[in-house]
Amino acid sequence: MLKTVLTATTALAAGLALTAGTAVAEDRSDWPEAVTVGTASQGGTYFIYGSGWANLVAEELGINVGSEVTGGPVENAALVQAGDAQFGMVTMGPAYEAWTGNSPLAPGIEHDKLRAIFPMYQTAFQVIALDDGDHNALDDLDGTTVGVGPAGGTPGTYWPRIFDTLGIEITPQNGGAADLAGQLQDGLIDGFAFAAGIPISAFSQVEAQVDARIFGPNEEQIEVLLGEYPSLAPFTVPADTYASLDEDVPTVAMWNMAIASADMPESMVYEITKLIMENNDRMLQIHGAARETLPENFVFNTFLPWHPGAVRWFEENGYDIPDDLEG
């Protein structure tokens, strides 16, 4: 009798395993064989963070995921819209411009395939310059050459606008974060204005090799910028973020969201969202900015529809996605 029960139990278990395996196979039948995540330039937070979560997804879900060096959010939105990347990362300012057909890379084309999948962190606007006594504030950069990041990125898009709004005339120099950091150290540019999750590795590398100053807009300039750009919010860079800081640095910041193409299977996006949202400890091992990669921060997306796979995970876990943002 005991033998019969064990045999039946074993058979049942085998049947369940087979059924589960078939379900998984069926569930993944529409998953692409490989996907790409658009990141940004090497030396910036996007590249580190994006490559990290791409590797985490590949490791845990067995998906062939590649991370691509790009110009940043503006280009990432265009790549996802065109189907050249299946996933990417965007700051909400460039994302809104892309969504409404005002992307600098594709003017007139509404990027209607973009779907949010999880909140990332805030991108802080910061400037680093050599500590030579001449460049201690934004106003000191008037008439100088300033590195502003890749042309398709958040800093490359917004810093020239910010300087113009504040009446500060600069000659913008585009380039990757690591490249511009080297140009600053070599005296080829007078300042390096960037925007990324903190700490920015390129800034840390500069201050480790030369005496440097890190600063942002002053209080009056911050008020002007908040009034001019609705996608910006007040932000403080804590003094312990960089070795060269003696006190907190007030500035402005913009939220980031990870995105997927609307064409991606619901089950795939659900599993990716679940993995990232339920493993913040793993994300923190990738980059400190992930301390804000928390599900409750979904509220900082106010216009971009959420992918159905992401909606399913959030609502299963008690987060109410607004009806008009269910993509």
C-alpha atoms as a PDB file:
ATOM      1  CA  MET A   1       0.000   0.000   0.000  1.00  0.00           C
ATOM      2  CA  LEU A   2       2.752   2.394   0.961  1.00  0.00           C
ATOM      3  CA  LYS A   3       4.526   1.568  -2.280  1.00  0.00           C
ATOM      4  CA  THR A   4       1.337   2.313  -4.214  1.00  0.00           C
ATOM      5  CA  VAL A   5       0.897   5.695  -2.501  1.00  0.00           C
ATOM      6  CA  LEU A   6       4.504   6.692  -3.117  1.00  0.00           C
ATOM      7  CA  THR A   7       4.256   5.643  -6.738  1.00  0.00           C
ATOM      8  CA  ALA A   8       1.074   7.650  -7.201  1.00  0.00           C
ATOM      9  CA  THR A   9       2.581  10.657  -5.466  1.00  0.00           C
ATOM     10  CA  THR A  10       5.698  10.423  -7.604  1.00  0.00           C
ATOM     11  CA  ALA A  11       3.607  10.163 -10.737  1.00  0.00           C
ATOM     12  CA  LEU A  12       1.487  13.131  -9.663  1.00  0.00           C
ATOM     13  CA  ALA A  13       4.594  15.192  -8.971  1.00  0.00           C
ATOM     14  CA  ALA A  14       6.048  14.265 -12.316  1.00  0.00           C
ATOM     15  CA  GLY A  15       2.788  15.195 -14.005  1.00  0.00           C
ATOM     16  CA  LEU A  16       2.676  18.548 -12.242  1.00  0.00           C
ATOM     17  CA  ALA A  17       6.298  19.232 -13.149  1.00  0.00           C
ATOM     18  CA  LEU A  18       5.587  18.388 -16.763  1.00  0.00           C
ATOM     19  CA  THR A  19       2.491  20.610 -16.737  1.00  0.00           C
ATOM     20  CA  ALA A  20       4.437  23.469 -15.121  1.00  0.00           C
ATOM     21  CA  GLY A  21       7.259  23.059 -17.610  1.00  0.00           C
ATOM     22  CA  THR A  22       4.786  23.151 -20.490  1.00  0.00           C
ATOM     23  CA  ALA A  23       3.152  26.263 -19.034  1.00  0.00           C
ATOM     24  CA  VAL A  24       6.509  27.998 -18.796  1.00  0.00           C
ATOM     25  CA  ALA A  25       7.344  26.977 -22.358  1.00  0.00           C
ATOM     26  CA  GLU A  26       3.963  28.229 -23.602  1.00  0.00           C
ATOM     27  CA  ASP A  27       4.316  31.413 -21.559  1.00  0.00           C
ATOM     28  CA  ARG A  28       7.647  32.138 -23.237  1.00  0.00           C
ATOM     29  CA  SER A  29       6.632  31.092 -26.711  1.00  0.00           C
ATOM     30  CA  ASP A  30       6.222  34.712 -27.802  1.00  0.00           C
ATOM     31  CA  TRP A  31       9.361  35.985 -26.063  1.00  0.00           C
ATOM     32  CA  PRO A  32      12.061  37.262 -28.445  1.00  0.00           C
ATOM     33  CA  GLU A  33      15.300  35.284 -28.513  1.00  0.00           C
ATOM     34  CA  ALA A  34      17.337  38.383 -27.643  1.00  0.00           C
ATOM     35  CA  VAL A  35      16.620  41.932 -26.510  1.00  0.00           C
ATOM     36  CA  THR A  36      18.613  45.141 -26.157  1.00  0.00           C
ATOM     37  CA  VAL A  37      18.564  47.765 -23.405  1.00  0.00           C
ATOM     38  CA  GLY A  38      19.515  51.307 -24.434  1.00  0.00           C
ATOM     39  CA  THR A  39      21.754  52.904 -21.760  1.00  0.00           C
ATOM     40  CA  ALA A  40      24.080  55.927 -22.297  1.00  0.00           C
ATOM     41  CA  SER A  41      27.784  56.810 -22.453  1.00  0.00           C
ATOM     42  CA  GLN A  42      30.448  54.961 -20.474  1.00  0.00           C
ATOM     43  CA  GLY A  43      31.364  56.750 -17.253  1.00  0.00           C
ATOM     44  CA  GLY A  44      27.779  57.797 -16.583  1.00  0.00           C
ATOM     45  CA  THR A  45      25.245  56.304 -14.189  1.00  0.00           C
ATOM     46  CA  TYR A  46      22.930  55.117 -16.966  1.00  0.00           C
ATOM     47  CA  PHE A  47      25.593  52.861 -18.428  1.00  0.00           C
ATOM     48  CA  ILE A  48      26.436  51.273 -15.066  1.00  0.00           C
ATOM     49  CA  TYR A  49      22.839  50.975 -13.896  1.00  0.00           C
ATOM     50  CA  GLY A  50      21.465  49.833 -17.266  1.00  0.00           C
ATOM     51  CA  SER A  51      24.168  47.248 -17.876  1.00  0.00           C
ATOM     52  CA  GLY A  52      23.626  46.011 -14.338  1.00  0.00           C
ATOM     53  CA  TRP A  53      19.910  45.387 -14.562  1.00  0.00           C
ATOM     54  CA  ALA A  54      20.316  43.905 -18.042  1.00  0.00           C
ATOM     55  CA  ASN A  55      22.830  41.412 -16.617  1.00  0.00           C
ATOM     56  CA  LEU A  56      20.538  40.683 -13.664  1.00  0.00           C
ATOM     57  CA  VAL A  57      17.640  39.900 -16.000  1.00  0.00           C
ATOM     58  CA  ALA A  58      19.857  37.708 -18.171  1.00  0.00           C
ATOM     59  CA  GLU A  59      21.142  35.821 -15.129  1.00  0.00           C
ATOM     60  CA  GLU A  60      17.833  35.275 -13.370  1.00  0.00           C
ATOM     61  CA  LEU A  61      15.415  34.874 -16.290  1.00  0.00           C
ATOM     62  CA  GLY A  62      17.729  33.225 -18.803  1.00  0.00           C
ATOM     63  CA  ILE A  63      17.113  35.894 -21.429  1.00  0.00           C
ATOM     64  CA  ASN A  64      19.787  36.986 -23.904  1.00  0.00           C
ATOM     65  CA  VAL A  65      19.987  40.676 -22.957  1.00  0.00           C
ATOM     66  CA  GLY A  66      22.498  43.110 -24.419  1.00  0.00           C
ATOM     67  CA  SER A  67      23.159  46.630 -23.126  1.00  0.00           C
ATOM     68  CA  GLU A  68      23.926  49.222 -25.784  1.00  0.00           C
ATOM     69  CA  VAL A  69      25.996  52.393 -25.375  1.00  0.00           C
ATOM     70  CA  THR A  70      23.816  55.275 -26.600  1.00  0.00           C
ATOM     71  CA  GLY A  71      23.517  59.027 -26.372  1.00  0.00           C
ATOM     72  CA  GLY A  72      21.052  58.645 -23.500  1.00  0.00           C
ATOM     73  CA  PRO A  73      17.302  59.192 -22.986  1.00  0.00           C
ATOM     74  CA  VAL A  74      16.516  61.066 -26.212  1.00  0.00           C
ATOM     75  CA  GLU A  75      18.184  58.384 -28.310  1.00  0.00           C
ATOM     76  CA  ASN A  76      16.818  55.563 -26.137  1.00  0.00           C
ATOM     77  CA  ALA A  77      13.259  56.756 -26.735  1.00  0.00           C
ATOM     78  CA  ALA A  78      13.881  56.885 -30.491  1.00  0.00           C
ATOM     79  CA  LEU A  79      15.484  53.417 -30.493  1.00  0.00           C
ATOM     80  CA  VAL A  80      12.556  51.842 -28.624  1.00  0.00           C
ATOM     81  CA  GLN A  81      10.039  53.603 -30.854  1.00  0.00           C
ATOM     82  CA  ALA A  82      11.812  52.348 -33.984  1.00  0.00           C
ATOM     83  CA  GLY A  83      12.169  48.806 -32.625  1.00  0.00           C
ATOM     84  CA  ASP A  84      15.980  48.974 -32.645  1.00  0.00           C
ATOM     85  CA  ALA A  85      15.968  48.480 -28.857  1.00  0.00           C
ATOM     86  CA  GLN A  86      13.288  46.678 -26.903  1.00  0.00           C
ATOM     87  CA  PHE A  87      14.044  48.298 -23.554  1.00  0.00           C
ATOM     88  CA  GLY A  88      15.659  51.538 -22.457  1.00  0.00           C
ATOM     89  CA  MET A  89      15.885  54.206 -19.802  1.00  0.00           C
ATOM     90  CA  VAL A  90      14.544  57.752 -19.984  1.00  0.00           C
ATOM     91  CA  THR A  91      14.316  60.876 -17.898  1.00  0.00           C
ATOM     92  CA  MET A  92      10.798  62.257 -17.841  1.00  0.00           C
ATOM     93  CA  GLY A  93      11.587  65.536 -19.640  1.00  0.00           C
ATOM     94  CA  PRO A  94      12.943  63.939 -22.826  1.00  0.00           C
ATOM     95  CA  ALA A  95      10.311  61.194 -22.538  1.00  0.00           C
ATOM     96  CA  TYR A  96       7.501  63.768 -22.549  1.00  0.00           C
ATOM     97  CA  GLU A  97       8.984  65.531 -25.561  1.00  0.00           C
ATOM     98  CA  ALA A  98       9.256  62.197 -27.392  1.00  0.00           C
ATOM     99  CA  TRP A  99       5.727  61.161 -26.392  1.00  0.00           C
ATOM    100  CA  THR A 100       4.257  64.424 -27.715  1.00  0.00           C
ATOM    101  CA  GLY A 101       6.238  64.417 -30.971  1.00  0.00           C
ATOM    102  CA  ASN A 102       8.831  66.995 -29.973  1.00  0.00           C
ATOM    103  CA  SER A 103      11.951  64.833 -29.790  1.00  0.00           C
ATOM    104  CA  PRO A 104      15.050  66.663 -31.087  1.00  0.00           C
ATOM    105  CA  LEU A 105      16.043  63.439 -32.889  1.00  0.00           C
ATOM    106  CA  ALA A 106      12.654  62.747 -34.468  1.00  0.00           C
ATOM    107  CA  PRO A 107      10.571  65.934 -34.514  1.00  0.00           C
ATOM    108  CA  GLY A 108       6.942  65.444 -35.458  1.00  0.00           C
ATOM    109  CA  ILE A 109       6.909  61.730 -34.574  1.00  0.00           C
ATOM    110  CA  GLU A 110       4.860  60.823 -31.510  1.00  0.00           C
ATOM    111  CA  HIS A 111       6.711  58.009 -29.741  1.00  0.00           C
ATOM    112  CA  ASP A 112       3.546  56.031 -29.061  1.00  0.00           C
ATOM    113  CA  LYS A 113       5.278  52.683 -28.468  1.00  0.00           C
ATOM    114  CA  LEU A 114       6.944  53.795 -25.212  1.00  0.00           C
ATOM    115  CA  ARG A 115       5.680  52.068 -22.067  1.00  0.00           C
ATOM    116  CA  ALA A 116       6.926  52.516 -18.494  1.00  0.00           C
ATOM    117  CA  ILE A 117       7.958  49.367 -16.603  1.00  0.00           C
ATOM    118  CA  PHE A 118       9.560  50.515 -13.322  1.00  0.00           C
ATOM    119  CA  PRO A 119      10.766  53.705 -11.578  1.00  0.00           C
ATOM    120  CA  MET A 120      14.542  54.155 -11.413  1.00  0.00           C
ATOM    121  CA  TYR A 121      15.906  57.193  -9.569  1.00  0.00           C
ATOM    122  CA  GLN A 122      16.327  60.952  -9.799  1.00  0.00           C
ATOM    123  CA  THR A 123      18.868  62.451 -12.174  1.00  0.00           C
ATOM    124  CA  ALA A 124      20.649  65.309 -10.406  1.00  0.00           C
ATOM    125  CA  PHE A 125      22.077  68.241 -12.373  1.00  0.00           C
ATOM    126  CA  GLN A 126      25.657  68.932 -11.231  1.00  0.00           C
ATOM    127  CA  VAL A 127      28.787  70.687 -12.470  1.00  0.00           C
ATOM    128  CA  ILE A 128      32.412  69.821 -11.808  1.00  0.00           C
ATOM    129  CA  ALA A 129      35.329  72.156 -12.502  1.00  0.00           C
ATOM    130  CA  LEU A 130      38.980  72.318 -11.532  1.00  0.00           C
ATOM    131  CA  ASP A 131      39.521  73.948  -8.159  1.00  0.00           C
ATOM    132  CA  ASP A 132      41.542  76.829  -9.625  1.00  0.00           C
ATOM    133  CA  GLY A 133      39.649  79.703  -8.013  1.00  0.00           C
ATOM    134  CA  ASP A 134      38.053  80.773 -11.303  1.00  0.00           C
ATOM    135  CA  HIS A 135      35.082  78.443 -11.587  1.00  0.00           C
ATOM    136  CA  ASN A 136      33.087  78.221  -8.385  1.00  0.00           C
ATOM    137  CA  ALA A 137      29.535  78.780  -9.638  1.00  0.00           C
ATOM    138  CA  LEU A 138      27.442  78.664 -12.807  1.00  0.00           C
ATOM    139  CA  ASP A 139      27.925  82.393 -13.415  1.00  0.00           C
ATOM    140  CA  ASP A 140      31.694  81.846 -13.510  1.00  0.00           C
ATOM    141  CA  LEU A 141      31.238  79.692 -16.622  1.00  0.00           C
ATOM    142  CA  ASP A 142      29.922  82.610 -18.680  1.00  0.00           C
ATOM    143  CA  GLY A 143      31.969  82.858 -21.869  1.00  0.00           C
ATOM    144  CA  THR A 144      33.663  79.466 -21.391  1.00  0.00           C
ATOM    145  CA  THR A 145      33.537  76.021 -23.008  1.00  0.00           C
ATOM    146  CA  VAL A 146      31.521  73.529 -20.988  1.00  0.00           C
ATOM    147  CA  GLY A 147      31.133  69.776 -21.519  1.00  0.00           C
ATOM    148  CA  VAL A 148      27.440  68.840 -21.441  1.00  0.00           C
ATOM    149  CA  GLY A 149      27.387  65.113 -22.223  1.00  0.00           C
ATOM    150  CA  PRO A 150      26.207  63.284 -25.349  1.00  0.00           C
ATOM    151  CA  ALA A 151      23.903  65.127 -27.741  1.00  0.00           C
ATOM    152  CA  GLY A 152      21.113  62.577 -27.230  1.00  0.00           C
ATOM    153  CA  GLY A 153      21.245  62.570 -23.445  1.00  0.00           C
ATOM    154  CA  THR A 154      19.479  64.495 -20.691  1.00  0.00           C
ATOM    155  CA  PRO A 155      22.451  66.777 -19.861  1.00  0.00           C
ATOM    156  CA  GLY A 156      23.265  67.365 -23.524  1.00  0.00           C
ATOM    157  CA  THR A 157      19.663  68.392 -24.101  1.00  0.00           C
ATOM    158  CA  TYR A 158      18.901  70.349 -20.941  1.00  0.00           C
ATOM    159  CA  TRP A 159      22.157  71.983 -19.804  1.00  0.00           C
ATOM    160  CA  PRO A 160      22.408  74.239 -22.891  1.00  0.00           C
ATOM    161  CA  ARG A 161      18.779  75.242 -22.279  1.00  0.00           C
ATOM    162  CA  ILE A 162      19.468  75.835 -18.592  1.00  0.00           C
ATOM    163  CA  PHE A 163      22.457  78.080 -19.273  1.00  0.00           C
ATOM    164  CA  ASP A 164      20.439  79.980 -21.868  1.00  0.00           C
ATOM    165  CA  THR A 165      17.496  80.403 -19.459  1.00  0.00           C
ATOM    166  CA  LEU A 166      19.877  81.800 -16.823  1.00  0.00           C
ATOM    167  CA  GLY A 167      21.496  84.178 -19.309  1.00  0.00           C
ATOM    168  CA  ILE A 168      24.877  82.431 -19.151  1.00  0.00           C
ATOM    169  CA  GLU A 169      26.615  82.139 -22.510  1.00  0.00           C
ATOM    170  CA  ILE A 170      28.662  78.984 -22.984  1.00  0.00           C
ATOM    171  CA  THR A 171      30.117  77.010 -25.837  1.00  0.00           C
ATOM    172  CA  PRO A 172      28.683  73.516 -25.283  1.00  0.00           C
ATOM    173  CA  GLN A 173      30.947  70.539 -25.892  1.00  0.00           C
ATOM    174  CA  ASN A 174      29.252  67.185 -26.456  1.00  0.00           C
ATOM    175  CA  GLY A 175      30.848  63.862 -25.578  1.00  0.00           C
ATOM    176  CA  GLY A 176      30.673  60.826 -23.347  1.00  0.00           C
ATOM    177  CA  ALA A 177      31.059  61.229 -19.584  1.00  0.00           C
ATOM    178  CA  ALA A 178      34.476  59.556 -19.408  1.00  0.00           C
ATOM    179  CA  ASP A 179      35.773  61.550 -22.381  1.00  0.00           C
ATOM    180  CA  LEU A 180      34.616  64.904 -20.999  1.00  0.00           C
ATOM    181  CA  ALA A 181      36.091  64.083 -17.599  1.00  0.00           C
ATOM    182  CA  GLY A 182      39.450  63.593 -19.333  1.00  0.00           C
ATOM    183  CA  GLN A 183      39.053  66.848 -21.266  1.00  0.00           C
ATOM    184  CA  LEU A 184      38.388  68.711 -18.020  1.00  0.00           C
ATOM    185  CA  GLN A 185      41.534  67.315 -16.418  1.00  0.00           C
ATOM    186  CA  ASP A 186      43.558  68.239 -19.516  1.00  0.00           C
ATOM    187  CA  GLY A 187      42.251  71.823 -19.478  1.00  0.00           C
ATOM    188  CA  LEU A 188      40.442  71.456 -22.814  1.00  0.00           C
ATOM    189  CA  ILE A 189      37.111  72.509 -21.288  1.00  0.00           C
ATOM    190  CA  ASP A 190      36.420  74.850 -18.373  1.00  0.00           C
ATOM    191  CA  GLY A 191      33.619  72.873 -16.746  1.00  0.00           C
ATOM    192  CA  PHE A 192      31.719  69.626 -17.078  1.00  0.00           C
ATOM    193  CA  ALA A 193      27.948  69.970 -16.563  1.00  0.00           C
ATOM    194  CA  PHE A 194      26.261  66.589 -16.290  1.00  0.00           C
ATOM    195  CA  ALA A 195      23.030  65.024 -15.058  1.00  0.00           C
ATOM    196  CA  ALA A 196      22.842  61.489 -13.667  1.00  0.00           C
ATOM    197  CA  GLY A 197      22.087  59.426 -10.609  1.00  0.00           C
ATOM    198  CA  ILE A 198      24.516  60.065  -7.799  1.00  0.00           C
ATOM    199  CA  PRO A 199      27.341  59.459  -7.369  1.00  0.00           C
ATOM    200  CA  ILE A 200      28.453  60.118 -10.950  1.00  0.00           C
ATOM    201  CA  SER A 201      31.453  57.845 -11.439  1.00  0.00           C
ATOM    202  CA  ALA A 202      33.152  60.244 -13.874  1.00  0.00           C
ATOM    203  CA  PHE A 203      33.023  63.002 -11.229  1.00  0.00           C
ATOM    204  CA  SER A 204      34.476  60.668  -8.610  1.00  0.00           C
ATOM    205  CA  GLN A 205      37.303  59.775 -10.973  1.00  0.00           C
ATOM    206  CA  VAL A 206      38.131  63.438 -11.614  1.00  0.00           C
ATOM    207  CA  GLU A 207      38.245  64.404  -7.934  1.00  0.00           C
ATOM    208  CA  ALA A 208      40.398  61.359  -7.178  1.00  0.00           C
ATOM    209  CA  GLN A 209      43.077  62.655  -9.559  1.00  0.00           C
ATOM    210  CA  VAL A 210      42.917  66.463  -9.328  1.00  0.00           C
ATOM    211  CA  ASP A 211      41.572  69.147  -7.015  1.00  0.00           C
ATOM    212  CA  ALA A 212      38.019  69.795  -8.121  1.00  0.00           C
ATOM    213  CA  ARG A 213      34.854  71.670  -7.178  1.00  0.00           C
ATOM    214  CA  ILE A 214      31.317  70.297  -7.560  1.00  0.00           C
ATOM    215  CA  PHE A 215      28.407  72.739  -7.569  1.00  0.00           C
ATOM    216  CA  GLY A 216      24.945  73.467  -8.916  1.00  0.00           C
ATOM    217  CA  PRO A 217      22.687  76.477  -9.486  1.00  0.00           C
ATOM    218  CA  ASN A 218      22.215  78.922  -6.607  1.00  0.00           C
ATOM    219  CA  GLU A 219      18.869  79.363  -4.815  1.00  0.00           C
ATOM    220  CA  GLU A 220      17.679  82.165  -7.092  1.00  0.00           C
ATOM    221  CA  GLN A 221      18.612  80.188 -10.202  1.00  0.00           C
ATOM    222  CA  ILE A 222      16.851  77.091  -8.860  1.00  0.00           C
ATOM    223  CA  GLU A 223      13.603  79.056  -8.500  1.00  0.00           C
ATOM    224  CA  VAL A 224      13.905  80.275 -12.091  1.00  0.00           C
ATOM    225  CA  LEU A 225      14.496  76.746 -13.382  1.00  0.00           C
ATOM    226  CA  LEU A 226      11.601  75.228 -11.422  1.00  0.00           C
ATOM    227  CA  GLY A 227       9.293  77.817 -12.931  1.00  0.00           C
ATOM    228  CA  GLU A 228      10.572  77.243 -16.466  1.00  0.00           C
ATOM    229  CA  TYR A 229      10.782  73.419 -16.532  1.00  0.00           C
ATOM    230  CA  PRO A 230       7.849  71.489 -14.958  1.00  0.00           C
ATOM    231  CA  SER A 231       9.779  68.204 -15.221  1.00  0.00           C
ATOM    232  CA  LEU A 232      12.416  69.472 -12.760  1.00  0.00           C
ATOM    233  CA  ALA A 233      12.159  69.220  -8.971  1.00  0.00           C
ATOM    234  CA  PRO A 234      14.342  70.454  -6.072  1.00  0.00           C
ATOM    235  CA  PHE A 235      17.118  68.078  -5.076  1.00  0.00           C
ATOM    236  CA  THR A 236      20.040  68.032  -2.645  1.00  0.00           C
ATOM    237  CA  VAL A 237      23.338  66.252  -3.276  1.00  0.00           C
ATOM    238  CA  PRO A 238      24.457  65.108   0.212  1.00  0.00           C
ATOM    239  CA  ALA A 239      27.949  66.166   1.278  1.00  0.00           C
ATOM    240  CA  ASP A 240      29.069  62.565   1.686  1.00  0.00           C
ATOM    241  CA  THR A 241      28.372  61.810  -1.992  1.00  0.00           C
ATOM    242  CA  TYR A 242      31.802  63.047  -3.115  1.00  0.00           C
ATOM    243  CA  ALA A 243      35.124  63.336  -1.298  1.00  0.00           C
ATOM    244  CA  SER A 244      35.579  66.985  -2.311  1.00  0.00           C
ATOM    245  CA  LEU A 245      32.271  68.202  -0.822  1.00  0.00           C
ATOM    246  CA  ASP A 246      32.223  69.840   2.592  1.00  0.00           C
ATOM    247  CA  GLU A 247      28.496  70.585   2.570  1.00  0.00           C
ATOM    248  CA  ASP A 248      25.286  69.605   0.808  1.00  0.00           C
ATOM    249  CA  VAL A 249      24.792  70.991  -2.696  1.00  0.00           C
ATOM    250  CA  PRO A 250      21.270  72.212  -3.613  1.00  0.00           C
ATOM    251  CA  THR A 251      20.299  71.657  -7.248  1.00  0.00           C
ATOM    252  CA  VAL A 252      17.474  70.330  -9.416  1.00  0.00           C
ATOM    253  CA  ALA A 253      16.688  66.826 -10.603  1.00  0.00           C
ATOM    254  CA  MET A 254      14.476  64.861 -12.976  1.00  0.00           C
ATOM    255  CA  TRP A 255      12.954  61.405 -12.472  1.00  0.00           C
ATOM    256  CA  ASN A 256      13.953  58.390 -14.588  1.00  0.00           C
ATOM    257  CA  MET A 257      11.816  55.469 -15.695  1.00  0.00           C
ATOM    258  CA  ALA A 258      12.754  52.215 -17.373  1.00  0.00           C
ATOM    259  CA  ILE A 259      10.755  51.684 -20.545  1.00  0.00           C
ATOM    260  CA  ALA A 260       9.804  48.855 -22.880  1.00  0.00           C
ATOM    261  CA  SER A 261       8.279  48.738 -26.306  1.00  0.00           C
ATOM    262  CA  ALA A 262       4.518  48.233 -26.329  1.00  0.00           C
ATOM    263  CA  ASP A 263       5.270  45.222 -28.549  1.00  0.00           C
ATOM    264  CA  MET A 264       7.016  43.299 -25.768  1.00  0.00           C
ATOM    265  CA  PRO A 265       5.072  40.284 -24.404  1.00  0.00           C
ATOM    266  CA  GLU A 266       3.115  40.952 -21.225  1.00  0.00           C
ATOM    267  CA  SER A 267       4.548  37.884 -19.474  1.00  0.00           C
ATOM    268  CA  MET A 268       8.144  38.952 -20.177  1.00  0.00           C
ATOM    269  CA  VAL A 269       7.641  42.485 -18.891  1.00  0.00           C
ATOM    270  CA  TYR A 270       5.807  41.124 -15.841  1.00  0.00           C
ATOM    271  CA  GLU A 271       8.772  38.893 -14.945  1.00  0.00           C
ATOM    272  CA  ILE A 272      11.290  41.703 -15.483  1.00  0.00           C
ATOM    273  CA  THR A 273       9.270  44.161 -13.394  1.00  0.00           C
ATOM    274  CA  LYS A 274       8.844  41.561 -10.653  1.00  0.00           C
ATOM    275  CA  LEU A 275      12.578  40.819 -10.614  1.00  0.00           C
ATOM    276  CA  ILE A 276      13.661  44.456 -10.332  1.00  0.00           C
ATOM    277  CA  MET A 277      10.957  45.604  -7.915  1.00  0.00           C
ATOM    278  CA  GLU A 278      11.397  42.649  -5.537  1.00  0.00           C
ATOM    279  CA  ASN A 279      15.203  42.669  -5.382  1.00  0.00           C
ATOM    280  CA  ASN A 280      16.300  46.139  -4.367  1.00  0.00           C
ATOM    281  CA  ASP A 281      19.257  44.663  -2.500  1.00  0.00           C
ATOM    282  CA  ARG A 282      20.574  43.266  -5.783  1.00  0.00           C
ATOM    283  CA  MET A 283      19.993  46.593  -7.526  1.00  0.00           C
ATOM    284  CA  LEU A 284      21.930  48.439  -4.814  1.00  0.00           C
ATOM    285  CA  GLN A 285      24.916  46.222  -5.554  1.00  0.00           C
ATOM    286  CA  ILE A 286      24.821  47.639  -9.093  1.00  0.00           C
ATOM    287  CA  HIS A 287      24.654  51.342  -8.177  1.00  0.00           C
ATOM    288  CA  GLY A 288      23.813  53.442  -5.122  1.00  0.00           C
ATOM    289  CA  ALA A 289      21.193  55.386  -7.119  1.00  0.00           C
ATOM    290  CA  ALA A 290      19.014  52.263  -6.890  1.00  0.00           C
ATOM    291  CA  ARG A 291      18.057  53.285  -3.336  1.00  0.00           C
ATOM    292  CA  GLU A 292      15.193  55.073  -5.121  1.00  0.00           C
ATOM    293  CA  THR A 293      14.314  52.079  -7.328  1.00  0.00           C
ATOM    294  CA  LEU A 294      11.252  51.350  -5.214  1.00  0.00           C
ATOM    295  CA  PRO A 295       7.715  50.524  -6.354  1.00  0.00           C
ATOM    296  CA  GLU A 296       6.093  53.430  -4.491  1.00  0.00           C
ATOM    297  CA  ASN A 297       7.976  55.832  -6.750  1.00  0.00           C
ATOM    298  CA  PHE A 298       5.759  54.836  -9.677  1.00  0.00           C
ATOM    299  CA  VAL A 299       3.752  57.979  -8.847  1.00  0.00           C
ATOM    300  CA  PHE A 300       6.434  60.168 -10.432  1.00  0.00           C
ATOM    301  CA  ASN A 301       5.327  58.983 -13.871  1.00  0.00           C
ATOM    302  CA  THR A 302       2.346  61.204 -14.657  1.00  0.00           C
ATOM    303  CA  PHE A 303       1.875  60.795 -18.420  1.00  0.00           C
ATOM    304  CA  LEU A 304       3.568  57.700 -19.900  1.00  0.00           C
ATOM    305  CA  PRO A 305       1.337  54.591 -20.081  1.00  0.00           C
ATOM    306  CA  TRP A 306       2.527  51.568 -18.130  1.00  0.00           C
ATOM    307  CA  HIS A 307       3.106  48.319 -19.984  1.00  0.00           C
ATOM    308  CA  PRO A 308       0.351  45.763 -19.191  1.00  0.00           C
ATOM    309  CA  GLY A 309       2.971  43.418 -17.723  1.00  0.00           C
ATOM    310  CA  ALA A 310       4.094  46.128 -15.302  1.00  0.00           C
ATOM    311  CA  VAL A 311       0.488  47.062 -14.479  1.00  0.00           C
ATOM    312  CA  ARG A 312      -0.184  43.455 -13.515  1.00  0.00           C
ATOM    313  CA  TRP A 313       2.759  43.328 -11.081  1.00  0.00           C
ATOM    314  CA  PHE A 314       1.995  46.707  -9.474  1.00  0.00           C
ATOM    315  CA  GLU A 315      -1.692  45.979  -8.999  1.00  0.00           C
ATOM    316  CA  GLU A 316      -1.000  42.477  -7.643  1.00  0.00           C
ATOM    317  CA  ASN A 317       1.153  44.160  -5.010  1.00  0.00           C
ATOM    318  CA  GLY A 318      -1.322  46.842  -3.951  1.00  0.00           C
ATOM    319  CA  TYR A 319      -0.247  49.784  -6.130  1.00  0.00           C
ATOM    320  CA  ASP A 320      -3.069  51.487  -7.996  1.00  0.00           C
ATOM    321  CA  ILE A 321      -2.079  52.469 -11.514  1.00  0.00           C
ATOM    322  CA  PRO A 322      -4.389  55.259 -12.797  1.00  0.00           C
ATOM    323  CA  ASP A 323      -6.823  54.026 -15.443  1.00  0.00           C
ATOM    324  CA  ASP A 324      -5.574  56.555 -18.004  1.00  0.00           C
ATOM    325  CA  LEU A 325      -2.003  55.240 -17.626  1.00  0.00           C
ATOM    326  CA  GLU A 326      -2.779  51.568 -18.179  1.00  0.00           C
ATOM    327  CA  GLY A 327      -1.116  50.894 -21.542  1.00  0.00           C
END
